C-alpha atoms as a PDB file:
ATOM      1  CA  MET A   1       0.009  -0.014  -0.003  1.00  0.00           C
ATOM      2  CA  ASN A   2       1.250   3.448  -0.895  1.00  0.00           C
ATOM      3  CA  ILE A   3       2.271   5.342   2.235  1.00  0.00           C
ATOM      4  CA  THR A   4       0.666   8.559   0.921  1.00  0.00           C
ATOM      5  CA  GLU A   5      -2.734   6.892   1.349  1.00  0.00           C
ATOM      6  CA  HIS A   6      -2.273   7.289   5.099  1.00  0.00           C
ATOM      7  CA  ALA A   7      -1.647  11.025   5.006  1.00  0.00           C
ATOM      8  CA  GLY A   8      -3.927  12.863   7.369  1.00  0.00           C
ATOM      9  CA  GLU A   9      -5.698   9.706   8.528  1.00  0.00           C
ATOM     10  CA  PRO A  10      -6.225   9.746  12.335  1.00  0.00           C
ATOM     11  CA  GLN A  11      -4.765   6.793  14.188  1.00  0.00           C
ATOM     12  CA  PRO A  12      -6.848   5.115  16.911  1.00  0.00           C
ATOM     13  CA  PHE A  13      -5.399   5.084  20.415  1.00  0.00           C
ATOM     14  CA  PRO A  14      -3.224   8.219  20.105  1.00  0.00           C
ATOM     15  CA  GLN A  15      -1.988   7.781  23.719  1.00  0.00           C
ATOM     16  CA  PHE A  16       0.073   4.818  22.467  1.00  0.00           C
ATOM     17  CA  PRO A  17       2.889   3.958  22.373  1.00  0.00           C
ATOM     18  CA  LYS A  18       3.365   5.129  25.935  1.00  0.00           C
ATOM     19  CA  VAL A  19       6.615   6.120  27.608  1.00  0.00           C
ATOM     20  CA  ARG A  20       7.629   4.019  30.592  1.00  0.00           C
ATOM     21  CA  PRO A  21       8.499   6.243  33.583  1.00  0.00           C
ATOM     22  CA  PRO A  22      12.207   5.817  34.485  1.00  0.00           C
ATOM     23  CA  LEU A  23      13.168   4.239  37.792  1.00  0.00           C
ATOM     24  CA  PRO A  24      15.574   5.970  40.193  1.00  0.00           C
ATOM     25  CA  GLN A  25      18.927   4.230  40.746  1.00  0.00           C
ATOM     26  CA  ALA A  26      17.838   2.875  44.118  1.00  0.00           C
ATOM     27  CA  TYR A  27      15.157   0.825  42.335  1.00  0.00           C
ATOM     28  CA  LEU A  28      17.324  -0.158  39.368  1.00  0.00           C
ATOM     29  CA  SER A  29      19.909  -1.757  41.594  1.00  0.00           C
ATOM     30  CA  LEU A  30      17.340  -4.280  42.888  1.00  0.00           C
ATOM     31  CA  TYR A  31      14.926  -4.382  39.937  1.00  0.00           C
ATOM     32  CA  GLU A  32      15.956  -7.753  38.496  1.00  0.00           C
ATOM     33  CA  SER A  33      16.097  -9.600  41.824  1.00  0.00           C
ATOM     34  CA  GLU A  34      12.738  -8.169  42.911  1.00  0.00           C
ATOM     35  CA  TYR A  35      11.162  -9.083  39.598  1.00  0.00           C
ATOM     36  CA  LEU A  36      12.339 -12.665  39.863  1.00  0.00           C
ATOM     37  CA  GLU A  37      11.247 -12.840  43.487  1.00  0.00           C
ATOM     38  CA  ASN A  38       7.810 -11.530  42.624  1.00  0.00           C
ATOM     39  CA  ARG A  39       7.312 -14.102  39.848  1.00  0.00           C
ATOM     40  CA  ALA A  40       8.983 -17.207  41.241  1.00  0.00           C
ATOM     41  CA  SER A  41       9.514 -17.159  45.027  1.00  0.00           C
ATOM     42  CA  GLY A  42       9.337 -14.285  47.457  1.00  0.00           C
ATOM     43  CA  SER A  43       7.493 -13.087  50.507  1.00  0.00           C
ATOM     44  CA  LEU A  44       4.194 -14.260  51.900  1.00  0.00           C
ATOM     45  CA  ALA A  45       2.551 -11.329  50.133  1.00  0.00           C
ATOM     46  CA  ASN A  46       3.976 -12.398  46.783  1.00  0.00           C
ATOM     47  CA  LYS A  47       2.969 -16.015  47.348  1.00  0.00           C
ATOM     48  CA  THR A  48      -0.553 -14.938  48.264  1.00  0.00           C
ATOM     49  CA  ALA A  49      -0.750 -12.818  45.151  1.00  0.00           C
ATOM     50  CA  ARG A  50       0.310 -15.747  42.963  1.00  0.00           C
ATOM     51  CA  MET A  51      -2.289 -17.955  44.676  1.00  0.00           C
ATOM     52  CA  LEU A  52      -5.003 -15.432  43.807  1.00  0.00           C
ATOM     53  CA  GLU A  53      -3.666 -15.165  40.260  1.00  0.00           C
ATOM     54  CA  SER A  54      -4.546 -18.840  39.798  1.00  0.00           C
ATOM     55  CA  TRP A  55      -8.087 -17.638  39.001  1.00  0.00           C
ATOM     56  CA  MET A  56      -6.704 -16.039  35.823  1.00  0.00           C
ATOM     57  CA  HIS A  57      -4.817 -19.211  34.825  1.00  0.00           C
ATOM     58  CA  ALA A  58      -7.956 -21.304  35.355  1.00  0.00           C
ATOM     59  CA  LYS A  59     -10.078 -18.988  33.237  1.00  0.00           C
ATOM     60  CA  VAL A  60      -7.535 -19.044  30.409  1.00  0.00           C
ATOM     61  CA  ARG A  61      -7.394 -22.856  30.534  1.00  0.00           C
ATOM     62  CA  GLN A  62     -11.196 -23.041  30.229  1.00  0.00           C
ATOM     63  CA  THR A  63     -10.986 -21.471  26.766  1.00  0.00           C
ATOM     64  CA  ALA A  64      -9.409 -24.605  25.300  1.00  0.00           C
ATOM     65  CA  ALA A  65     -11.740 -26.002  22.651  1.00  0.00           C
ATOM     66  CA  LYS A  66      -9.847 -29.174  21.780  1.00  0.00           C
ATOM     67  CA  LEU A  67      -6.968 -31.355  22.979  1.00  0.00           C
ATOM     68  CA  SER A  68      -4.708 -30.530  20.003  1.00  0.00           C
ATOM     69  CA  GLU A  69      -4.050 -26.840  19.628  1.00  0.00           C
ATOM     70  CA  GLU A  70      -1.583 -24.257  18.293  1.00  0.00           C
ATOM     71  CA  ILE A  71      -1.007 -21.814  21.169  1.00  0.00           C
ATOM     72  CA  LEU A  72       0.874 -18.571  21.515  1.00  0.00           C
ATOM     73  CA  GLU A  73       1.443 -17.169  25.005  1.00  0.00           C
ATOM     74  CA  ILE A  74       2.365 -13.490  25.153  1.00  0.00           C
ATOM     75  CA  GLY A  75       4.626 -12.615  28.082  1.00  0.00           C
ATOM     76  CA  ALA A  76       5.164 -16.186  29.187  1.00  0.00           C
ATOM     77  CA  GLY A  77       7.451 -15.182  32.085  1.00  0.00           C
ATOM     78  CA  THR A  78       8.499 -18.214  34.155  1.00  0.00           C
ATOM     79  CA  LEU A  79       6.337 -20.532  32.008  1.00  0.00           C
ATOM     80  CA  ASN A  80       4.032 -20.990  35.007  1.00  0.00           C
ATOM     81  CA  HIS A  81       0.903 -21.205  32.812  1.00  0.00           C
ATOM     82  CA  ILE A  82       2.040 -24.225  30.776  1.00  0.00           C
ATOM     83  CA  PRO A  83       1.148 -26.782  33.532  1.00  0.00           C
ATOM     84  CA  TRP A  84      -2.445 -25.510  33.386  1.00  0.00           C
ATOM     85  CA  GLU A  85      -2.734 -26.632  29.753  1.00  0.00           C
ATOM     86  CA  ARG A  86      -3.291 -30.210  28.742  1.00  0.00           C
ATOM     87  CA  GLY A  87      -3.252 -32.110  25.452  1.00  0.00           C
ATOM     88  CA  ASN A  88      -1.075 -32.275  22.392  1.00  0.00           C
ATOM     89  CA  LEU A  89       0.033 -28.662  22.246  1.00  0.00           C
ATOM     90  CA  ARG A  90       2.272 -26.796  19.829  1.00  0.00           C
ATOM     91  CA  TYR A  91       3.235 -24.077  22.274  1.00  0.00           C
ATOM     92  CA  ASP A  92       5.063 -20.873  21.227  1.00  0.00           C
ATOM     93  CA  ILE A  93       5.893 -17.977  23.554  1.00  0.00           C
ATOM     94  CA  VAL A  94       6.807 -14.291  23.377  1.00  0.00           C
ATOM     95  CA  GLU A  95       9.050 -13.324  26.274  1.00  0.00           C
ATOM     96  CA  PRO A  96      12.012 -10.899  26.097  1.00  0.00           C
ATOM     97  CA  PHE A  97      13.235 -11.491  29.674  1.00  0.00           C
ATOM     98  CA  ARG A  98      15.063 -14.810  29.172  1.00  0.00           C
ATOM     99  CA  LYS A  99      16.230 -15.114  32.802  1.00  0.00           C
ATOM    100  CA  LEU A 100      12.596 -15.759  33.785  1.00  0.00           C
ATOM    101  CA  PHE A 101      12.334 -19.022  31.862  1.00  0.00           C
ATOM    102  CA  GLU A 102      15.781 -20.260  30.880  1.00  0.00           C
ATOM    103  CA  ASN A 103      15.991 -22.623  33.879  1.00  0.00           C
ATOM    104  CA  SER A 104      12.366 -23.745  33.811  1.00  0.00           C
ATOM    105  CA  ALA A 105      11.601 -27.437  33.437  1.00  0.00           C
ATOM    106  CA  ASN A 106       8.674 -26.402  31.244  1.00  0.00           C
ATOM    107  CA  LEU A 107      10.984 -24.970  28.563  1.00  0.00           C
ATOM    108  CA  LYS A 108      11.147 -28.392  26.910  1.00  0.00           C
ATOM    109  CA  LEU A 109       7.460 -28.062  26.155  1.00  0.00           C
ATOM    110  CA  VAL A 110       7.966 -24.824  24.187  1.00  0.00           C
ATOM    111  CA  ARG A 111       8.315 -25.056  20.408  1.00  0.00           C
ATOM    112  CA  HIS A 112       9.439 -21.536  19.552  1.00  0.00           C
ATOM    113  CA  VAL A 113      10.635 -18.626  21.709  1.00  0.00           C
ATOM    114  CA  TYR A 114      10.214 -15.070  20.378  1.00  0.00           C
ATOM    115  CA  SER A 115      11.437 -11.942  22.100  1.00  0.00           C
ATOM    116  CA  ASP A 116       8.827  -9.802  20.270  1.00  0.00           C
ATOM    117  CA  ILE A 117       5.531 -10.632  18.597  1.00  0.00           C
ATOM    118  CA  LYS A 118       6.835  -8.901  15.446  1.00  0.00           C
ATOM    119  CA  GLU A 119       9.360 -11.754  15.059  1.00  0.00           C
ATOM    120  CA  ILE A 120       6.596 -14.295  14.384  1.00  0.00           C
ATOM    121  CA  PRO A 121       6.313 -15.284  10.703  1.00  0.00           C
ATOM    122  CA  LYS A 122       3.345 -13.507   9.117  1.00  0.00           C
ATOM    123  CA  GLU A 123       1.834 -16.775   7.847  1.00  0.00           C
ATOM    124  CA  ARG A 124       1.789 -18.477  11.266  1.00  0.00           C
ATOM    125  CA  ARG A 125      -1.704 -18.930  12.790  1.00  0.00           C
ATOM    126  CA  TYR A 126      -2.843 -20.018  16.244  1.00  0.00           C
ATOM    127  CA  ASP A 127      -5.983 -21.527  17.732  1.00  0.00           C
ATOM    128  CA  ARG A 128      -5.497 -19.529  20.933  1.00  0.00           C
ATOM    129  CA  ILE A 129      -3.411 -16.526  21.837  1.00  0.00           C
ATOM    130  CA  LEU A 130      -3.282 -16.003  25.575  1.00  0.00           C
ATOM    131  CA  SER A 131      -1.642 -13.955  28.305  1.00  0.00           C
ATOM    132  CA  VAL A 132      -1.772 -13.788  32.092  1.00  0.00           C
ATOM    133  CA  ALA A 133      -0.902 -10.553  33.903  1.00  0.00           C
ATOM    134  CA  VAL A 134       0.877  -9.107  30.866  1.00  0.00           C
ATOM    135  CA  LEU A 135      -1.215  -6.574  28.902  1.00  0.00           C
ATOM    136  CA  GLU A 136      -1.040  -3.967  31.652  1.00  0.00           C
ATOM    137  CA  HIS A 137       2.737  -3.790  31.021  1.00  0.00           C
ATOM    138  CA  MET A 138       2.596  -3.175  27.248  1.00  0.00           C
ATOM    139  CA  VAL A 139       4.058   0.101  25.950  1.00  0.00           C
ATOM    140  CA  ASP A 140       2.238  -0.301  22.633  1.00  0.00           C
ATOM    141  CA  LEU A 141      -0.785  -2.376  23.615  1.00  0.00           C
ATOM    142  CA  PRO A 142      -2.891  -1.783  20.454  1.00  0.00           C
ATOM    143  CA  SER A 143      -0.112  -3.073  18.202  1.00  0.00           C
ATOM    144  CA  VAL A 144       0.201  -6.254  20.286  1.00  0.00           C
ATOM    145  CA  VAL A 145      -3.559  -6.893  20.175  1.00  0.00           C
ATOM    146  CA  ALA A 146      -3.758  -6.072  16.433  1.00  0.00           C
ATOM    147  CA  LEU A 147      -0.893  -8.429  15.563  1.00  0.00           C
ATOM    148  CA  SER A 148      -2.431 -11.098  17.760  1.00  0.00           C
ATOM    149  CA  GLY A 149      -5.643 -10.784  15.760  1.00  0.00           C
ATOM    150  CA  LEU A 150      -3.740 -11.245  12.502  1.00  0.00           C
ATOM    151  CA  HIS A 151      -2.085 -14.405  13.866  1.00  0.00           C
ATOM    152  CA  LEU A 152      -5.378 -16.083  14.821  1.00  0.00           C
ATOM    153  CA  HIS A 153      -7.186 -18.738  12.830  1.00  0.00           C
ATOM    154  CA  GLN A 154     -10.656 -17.763  11.635  1.00  0.00           C
ATOM    155  CA  HIS A 155     -12.275 -19.291  14.713  1.00  0.00           C
ATOM    156  CA  GLY A 156      -9.383 -18.557  17.046  1.00  0.00           C
ATOM    157  CA  VAL A 157      -9.635 -17.140  20.545  1.00  0.00           C
ATOM    158  CA  PHE A 158      -7.736 -14.284  22.156  1.00  0.00           C
ATOM    159  CA  CYS A 159      -7.926 -14.420  25.956  1.00  0.00           C
ATOM    160  CA  ALA A 160      -6.206 -12.478  28.727  1.00  0.00           C
ATOM    161  CA  GLY A 161      -6.212 -12.376  32.497  1.00  0.00           C
ATOM    162  CA  ILE A 162      -5.184  -8.969  33.870  1.00  0.00           C
ATOM    163  CA  PRO A 163      -5.138  -7.222  37.225  1.00  0.00           C
ATOM    164  CA  SER A 164      -8.042  -4.771  37.543  1.00  0.00           C
ATOM    165  CA  GLU A 165      -5.644  -1.850  37.296  1.00  0.00           C
ATOM    166  CA  GLY A 166      -7.458   1.371  38.090  1.00  0.00           C
ATOM    167  CA  ALA A 167      -9.954  -0.345  40.408  1.00  0.00           C
ATOM    168  CA  TRP A 168     -10.202   0.604  44.089  1.00  0.00           C
ATOM    169  CA  LEU A 169      -9.870  -2.944  45.464  1.00  0.00           C
ATOM    170  CA  TRP A 170      -6.819  -3.722  43.285  1.00  0.00           C
ATOM    171  CA  GLU A 171      -5.000  -0.617  44.490  1.00  0.00           C
ATOM    172  CA  MET A 172      -5.777  -1.375  48.137  1.00  0.00           C
ATOM    173  CA  ALA A 173      -4.454  -4.915  47.626  1.00  0.00           C
ATOM    174  CA  TRP A 174      -1.083  -3.989  46.155  1.00  0.00           C
ATOM    175  CA  ARG A 175      -0.547  -0.964  48.416  1.00  0.00           C
ATOM    176  CA  TYR A 176      -1.195  -2.809  51.656  1.00  0.00           C
ATOM    177  CA  GLY A 177      -0.098  -6.274  50.528  1.00  0.00           C
ATOM    178  CA  THR A 178       2.879  -6.443  48.208  1.00  0.00           C
ATOM    179  CA  GLY A 179       3.647  -2.760  48.805  1.00  0.00           C
ATOM    180  CA  THR A 180       3.968  -3.148  52.552  1.00  0.00           C
ATOM    181  CA  SER A 181       6.270  -6.178  52.165  1.00  0.00           C
ATOM    182  CA  PHE A 182       8.376  -4.328  49.584  1.00  0.00           C
ATOM    183  CA  ARG A 183       8.815  -1.298  51.860  1.00  0.00           C
ATOM    184  CA  ARG A 184       9.751  -3.548  54.803  1.00  0.00           C
ATOM    185  CA  ARG A 185      12.473  -5.236  52.714  1.00  0.00           C
ATOM    186  CA  THR A 186      13.833  -2.275  50.852  1.00  0.00           C
ATOM    187  CA  GLY A 187      12.690   0.920  52.541  1.00  0.00           C
ATOM    188  CA  LEU A 188      11.290   2.116  49.171  1.00  0.00           C
ATOM    189  CA  ASP A 189       7.821   3.058  47.981  1.00  0.00           C
ATOM    190  CA  TYR A 190       6.297   0.272  45.849  1.00  0.00           C
ATOM    191  CA  ALA A 191       4.119   2.806  44.001  1.00  0.00           C
ATOM    192  CA  MET A 192       7.195   3.889  42.037  1.00  0.00           C
ATOM    193  CA  MET A 193       7.674   0.323  40.815  1.00  0.00           C
ATOM    194  CA  MET A 194       3.992  -0.079  39.991  1.00  0.00           C
ATOM    195  CA  HIS A 195       3.904   3.141  37.958  1.00  0.00           C
ATOM    196  CA  HIS A 196       6.933   1.940  36.028  1.00  0.00           C
ATOM    197  CA  GLU A 197       5.459  -1.487  35.323  1.00  0.00           C
ATOM    198  CA  HIS A 198       1.682  -1.061  34.976  1.00  0.00           C
ATOM    199  CA  LEU A 199       1.124   1.381  32.154  1.00  0.00           C
ATOM    200  CA  ASN A 200      -2.399   0.378  31.131  1.00  0.00           C
ATOM    201  CA  THR A 201      -5.641   0.293  33.107  1.00  0.00           C
ATOM    202  CA  ALA A 202      -8.201  -2.474  32.852  1.00  0.00           C
ATOM    203  CA  ALA A 203     -10.561  -0.044  31.122  1.00  0.00           C
ATOM    204  CA  GLU A 204      -7.958   0.813  28.483  1.00  0.00           C
ATOM    205  CA  ILE A 205      -7.224  -2.840  27.814  1.00  0.00           C
ATOM    206  CA  GLU A 206     -10.915  -3.633  27.476  1.00  0.00           C
ATOM    207  CA  THR A 207     -11.454  -0.744  25.064  1.00  0.00           C
ATOM    208  CA  CYS A 208      -8.521  -1.873  22.967  1.00  0.00           C
ATOM    209  CA  ILE A 209      -9.664  -5.493  22.725  1.00  0.00           C
ATOM    210  CA  ARG A 210     -13.229  -4.449  21.897  1.00  0.00           C
ATOM    211  CA  TYR A 211     -11.913  -2.319  19.026  1.00  0.00           C
ATOM    212  CA  PHE A 212     -10.167  -5.259  17.338  1.00  0.00           C
ATOM    213  CA  PHE A 213     -12.702  -7.997  18.091  1.00  0.00           C
ATOM    214  CA  HIS A 214     -16.413  -8.226  17.370  1.00  0.00           C
ATOM    215  CA  ASP A 215     -17.341 -10.403  20.356  1.00  0.00           C
ATOM    216  CA  VAL A 216     -15.784  -9.794  23.798  1.00  0.00           C
ATOM    217  CA  SER A 217     -16.943 -11.197  27.136  1.00  0.00           C
ATOM    218  CA  ILE A 218     -15.642 -10.205  30.531  1.00  0.00           C
ATOM    219  CA  LYS A 219     -15.534 -11.805  33.967  1.00  0.00           C
ATOM    220  CA  ARG A 220     -14.060 -10.380  37.212  1.00  0.00           C
ATOM    221  CA  PHE A 221     -12.872 -11.739  40.527  1.00  0.00           C
ATOM    222  CA  PRO A 222     -13.939 -11.761  43.302  1.00  0.00           C
ATOM    223  CA  LEU A 223     -16.886  -9.494  42.445  1.00  0.00           C
ATOM    224  CA  ARG A 224     -18.160  -8.595  38.960  1.00  0.00           C
ATOM    225  CA  LEU A 225     -18.069  -4.809  39.514  1.00  0.00           C
ATOM    226  CA  LEU A 226     -14.761  -3.365  38.320  1.00  0.00           C
ATOM    227  CA  PRO A 227     -14.067  -1.228  41.429  1.00  0.00           C
ATOM    228  CA  LEU A 228     -14.551  -4.270  43.681  1.00  0.00           C
ATOM    229  CA  SER A 229     -12.430  -6.669  41.634  1.00  0.00           C
ATOM    230  CA  LEU A 230      -8.845  -7.810  41.807  1.00  0.00           C
ATOM    231  CA  TYR A 231      -8.616  -9.474  38.421  1.00  0.00           C
ATOM    232  CA  THR A 232     -10.376  -9.267  35.075  1.00  0.00           C
ATOM    233  CA  PHE A 233     -10.628 -11.940  32.377  1.00  0.00           C
ATOM    234  CA  LEU A 234     -11.289 -11.054  28.734  1.00  0.00           C
ATOM    235  CA  HIS A 235     -12.383 -13.565  26.099  1.00  0.00           C
ATOM    236  CA  ALA A 236     -12.423 -12.304  22.514  1.00  0.00           C
ATOM    237  CA  ILE A 237     -13.491 -13.978  19.277  1.00  0.00           C
ATOM    238  CA  LYS A 238     -14.425 -12.936  15.718  1.00  0.00           C
ATOM    239  CA  VAL A 239     -11.395 -10.764  15.061  1.00  0.00           C
ATOM    240  CA  HIS A 240     -11.845  -7.638  12.996  1.00  0.00           C
ATOM    241  CA  LYS A 241      -9.044  -8.438  10.517  1.00  0.00           C
ATOM    242  CA  GLN A 242      -9.436  -5.238   8.494  1.00  0.00           C
ATOM    243  CA  ARG A 243      -9.027  -3.052  11.578  1.00  0.00           C
ATOM    244  CA  CYS A 244      -5.984  -5.047  12.666  1.00  0.00           C
ATOM    245  CA  THR A 245      -4.384  -4.759   9.264  1.00  0.00           C
ATOM    246  CA  ARG A 246      -5.168  -1.055   8.949  1.00  0.00           C
ATOM    247  CA  PHE A 247      -3.808  -0.258  12.397  1.00  0.00           C
ATOM    248  CA  ILE A 248      -0.488  -2.009  11.725  1.00  0.00           C
ATOM    249  CA  GLU A 249      -0.233  -0.212   8.353  1.00  0.00           C
ATOM    250  CA  LEU A 250      -0.726   3.108  10.111  1.00  0.00           C
ATOM    251  CA  ARG A 251       1.882   2.189  12.744  1.00  0.00           C
ATOM    252  CA  GLU A 252       4.394   1.260  10.031  1.00  0.00           C
ATOM    253  CA  HIS A 253       3.641   4.506   8.149  1.00  0.00           C
ATOM    254  CA  THR A 254       4.235   6.540  11.293  1.00  0.00           C
ATOM    255  CA  ALA A 255       7.503   4.762  11.979  1.00  0.00           C
ATOM    256  CA  THR A 256       8.649   5.273   8.371  1.00  0.00           C
ATOM    257  CA  ALA A 257       7.699   8.972   8.385  1.00  0.00           C
ATOM    258  CA  LYS A 258       9.580   9.494  11.676  1.00  0.00           C
ATOM    259  CA  ALA A 259      12.672   7.749  10.346  1.00  0.00           C
ATOM    260  CA  ASN A 260      12.567   9.797   7.162  1.00  0.00           C
ATOM    261  CA  SER A 261      12.261  13.058   9.104  1.00  0.00           C
ATOM    262  CA  ILE A 262      15.316  12.128  11.177  1.00  0.00           C
ATOM    263  CA  THR A 263      17.263  11.201   8.055  1.00  0.00           C
ATOM    264  CA  ASN A 264      16.345  14.446   6.295  1.00  0.00           C
ATOM    265  CA  PHE A 265      17.068  16.650   9.308  1.00  0.00           C
END
């Protein structure tokens, strides 16, 4: 498609890509160890959080339609979701932080490892594309959802478990749970870490998924009202392929125009 066709066309989700707030040096020095502790071992607060997160893993598992599936997990982390899946799976992952999974016993069950969803061959299609506690971290969330849509089979499913970021109960939970434990260990305010990591609210994620999919259903835990929930589960089918394609074309046009302006400066 000729790039000039995009001239003057407004792009959906102008707030993306977002800029991740930088962390002060005091946080950077312990960032990696804290990240690993949060995802794999850690304090009682971290262990309790992971126990509650099992609701998201269970919901994602329930979307399996057959025993033999092509699956892509976005942000696979420590590969802790794989044991929830059963059957003859062809399991690919997107995960840039290799230290999270390189020593996992579940790595042998992974077919392909990608550090970015853009690395996946354009012709590859999946029955399910899933994520657990990942979409809230994405700098360019709409691009990830649009590319996911393009990699789904016609009757494929996109599903995601996310913290109910922006909800009252969720904020109370991390401030007085994980946040208290973090301050006790480090003397630092956990809010700084959360603002660095969690860029997208549950409402933004829902809006984004609804834009690229015709049929989206939502469940929340423990109560169905967003302000009184800790976690949200989104199940999306009937991808809007034209919107996905158009959005990625616009993104590529923007990137090309920016590169050209720098070159011509």
